[in-house]
Amino acid sequence: MTDIKNKVQGLDPNVQARDLIEIVGDSQNVYEALAIVTKRARQLAVDLKHELHQKLEEFATTSDTIEEVTENKEQIEISKFYERLPNPVIIALDEYLKGDLHHHYTDKKQG
């Protein structure tokens, strides 16, 4: 997961208009290109969520009452870092446009 965090350091987290012809690229099919980006974005979202929960569990304390809730500065900083990360769709689209995503078709059995 550290690899993803390194990739997105220079990536603008804001949504931008994109050239549809550039997105379609070699596939010549906009739906195919968007399906590839969507699948990768879902993978990224699950991975980032899992990593965030693992890091936050390190600071979790069990308490019997609600009144004993305390702020943990490290936990807040970790949460803020993940909030500042670009949306998984933006990351996936950037990977797709740079050619970092490798996809293939599975052979469907005729029968």
Protein backbone atom coordinates (compact mmCIF):
# COMPACT_ATOMS: atom_id res chain seq x y z
CA MET A 1 0.00 0.00 0.00
CA THR A 2 2.93 2.32 0.54
CA ASP A 3 3.45 2.20 -3.22
CA ILE A 4 0.04 3.80 -3.78
CA LYS A 5 0.76 6.54 -1.26
CA ASN A 6 4.01 7.34 -3.07
CA LYS A 7 2.25 7.47 -6.45
CA VAL A 8 -0.42 9.92 -5.31
CA GLN A 9 1.90 12.41 -3.62
CA GLY A 10 2.07 14.65 -6.70
CA LEU A 11 -1.45 13.91 -7.88
CA ASP A 12 -4.04 16.70 -7.75
CA PRO A 13 -6.92 15.50 -5.54
CA ASN A 14 -9.43 17.74 -7.33
CA VAL A 15 -11.70 16.45 -10.06
CA GLN A 16 -10.70 17.65 -13.52
CA ALA A 17 -12.30 17.48 -16.95
CA ARG A 18 -10.63 14.77 -19.01
CA ASP A 19 -10.32 14.23 -22.74
CA LEU A 20 -12.55 11.30 -23.63
CA ILE A 21 -10.41 10.35 -26.63
CA GLU A 22 -7.37 10.05 -24.35
CA ILE A 23 -9.31 7.85 -21.92
CA VAL A 24 -10.58 5.55 -24.64
CA GLY A 25 -7.05 5.10 -26.00
CA ASP A 26 -6.28 1.83 -27.76
CA SER A 27 -9.47 0.05 -26.78
CA GLN A 28 -11.68 2.35 -28.89
CA ASN A 29 -14.48 1.57 -26.47
CA VAL A 30 -15.38 4.07 -23.76
CA TYR A 31 -17.35 1.51 -21.74
CA GLU A 32 -14.44 -0.92 -21.69
CA ALA A 33 -12.03 1.81 -20.55
CA LEU A 34 -14.40 2.96 -17.80
CA ALA A 35 -14.99 -0.63 -16.66
CA ILE A 36 -11.23 -1.11 -16.26
CA VAL A 37 -10.87 2.13 -14.29
CA THR A 38 -13.91 1.28 -12.15
CA LYS A 39 -12.58 -2.15 -11.19
CA ARG A 40 -9.21 -0.69 -10.22
CA ALA A 41 -10.89 2.11 -8.22
CA ARG A 42 -12.86 -0.48 -6.24
CA GLN A 43 -9.65 -2.39 -5.49
CA LEU A 44 -7.96 0.80 -4.32
CA ALA A 45 -10.93 1.80 -2.16
CA VAL A 46 -11.00 -1.57 -0.41
CA ASP A 47 -7.23 -1.58 0.11
CA LEU A 48 -7.14 1.97 1.48
CA LYS A 49 -10.07 1.32 3.78
CA HIS A 50 -8.50 -1.87 5.09
CA GLU A 51 -5.18 -0.13 5.70
CA LEU A 52 -6.85 2.79 7.48
CA HIS A 53 -8.79 0.48 9.78
CA GLN A 54 -5.64 -1.47 10.61
CA LYS A 55 -3.78 1.70 11.55
CA LEU A 56 -6.68 3.05 13.61
CA GLU A 57 -7.04 -0.27 15.48
CA GLU A 58 -3.55 0.23 16.86
CA PHE A 59 -4.88 3.18 18.85
CA ALA A 60 -8.23 1.66 19.77
CA THR A 61 -9.02 1.33 23.43
CA THR A 62 -11.93 -0.49 24.90
CA SER A 63 -13.96 1.38 27.45
CA ASP A 64 -17.19 0.63 29.24
CA THR A 65 -18.73 4.08 29.06
CA ILE A 66 -19.14 6.72 26.41
CA GLU A 67 -17.88 9.46 28.72
CA GLU A 68 -14.36 8.02 28.62
CA VAL A 69 -13.79 8.92 24.96
CA THR A 70 -10.46 10.68 24.54
CA GLU A 71 -8.84 12.31 21.54
CA ASN A 72 -5.72 10.72 20.22
CA LYS A 73 -3.59 13.11 18.14
CA GLU A 74 -1.90 10.33 16.17
CA GLN A 75 -5.28 8.88 15.28
CA ILE A 76 -6.49 12.29 14.11
CA GLU A 77 -3.37 12.82 11.98
CA ILE A 78 -3.77 9.41 10.33
CA SER A 79 -7.41 10.16 9.56
CA LYS A 80 -6.54 13.57 8.10
CA PHE A 81 -3.84 12.02 5.90
CA TYR A 82 -6.31 9.54 4.40
CA GLU A 83 -8.93 12.28 3.95
CA ARG A 84 -6.43 14.32 1.90
CA LEU A 85 -5.67 11.42 -0.44
CA PRO A 86 -7.26 11.69 -3.87
CA ASN A 87 -10.42 9.74 -4.55
CA PRO A 88 -9.69 6.15 -5.67
CA VAL A 89 -11.29 6.90 -9.04
CA ILE A 90 -8.83 9.75 -9.63
CA ILE A 91 -5.92 7.47 -8.70
CA ALA A 92 -7.20 4.65 -10.94
CA LEU A 93 -7.75 6.99 -13.89
CA ASP A 94 -4.25 8.40 -13.50
CA GLU A 95 -2.81 4.87 -13.44
CA TYR A 96 -4.83 3.98 -16.56
CA LEU A 97 -3.73 7.07 -18.49
CA LYS A 98 -0.07 6.46 -17.59
CA GLY A 99 -0.35 2.86 -18.77
CA ASP A 100 0.29 1.38 -15.32
CA LEU A 101 -2.84 -0.81 -15.40
CA HIS A 102 -2.55 -4.16 -17.10
CA HIS A 103 -5.76 -5.89 -18.06
CA HIS A 104 -6.70 -8.94 -20.06
CA TYR A 105 -9.79 -10.80 -21.07
CA THR A 106 -10.63 -14.15 -19.62
CA ASP A 107 -11.67 -16.73 -22.18
CA LYS A 108 -15.32 -17.58 -21.89
CA LYS A 109 -16.08 -21.24 -22.39
CA GLN A 110 -18.54 -21.84 -25.16
CA GLY A 111 -21.01 -24.40 -24.22
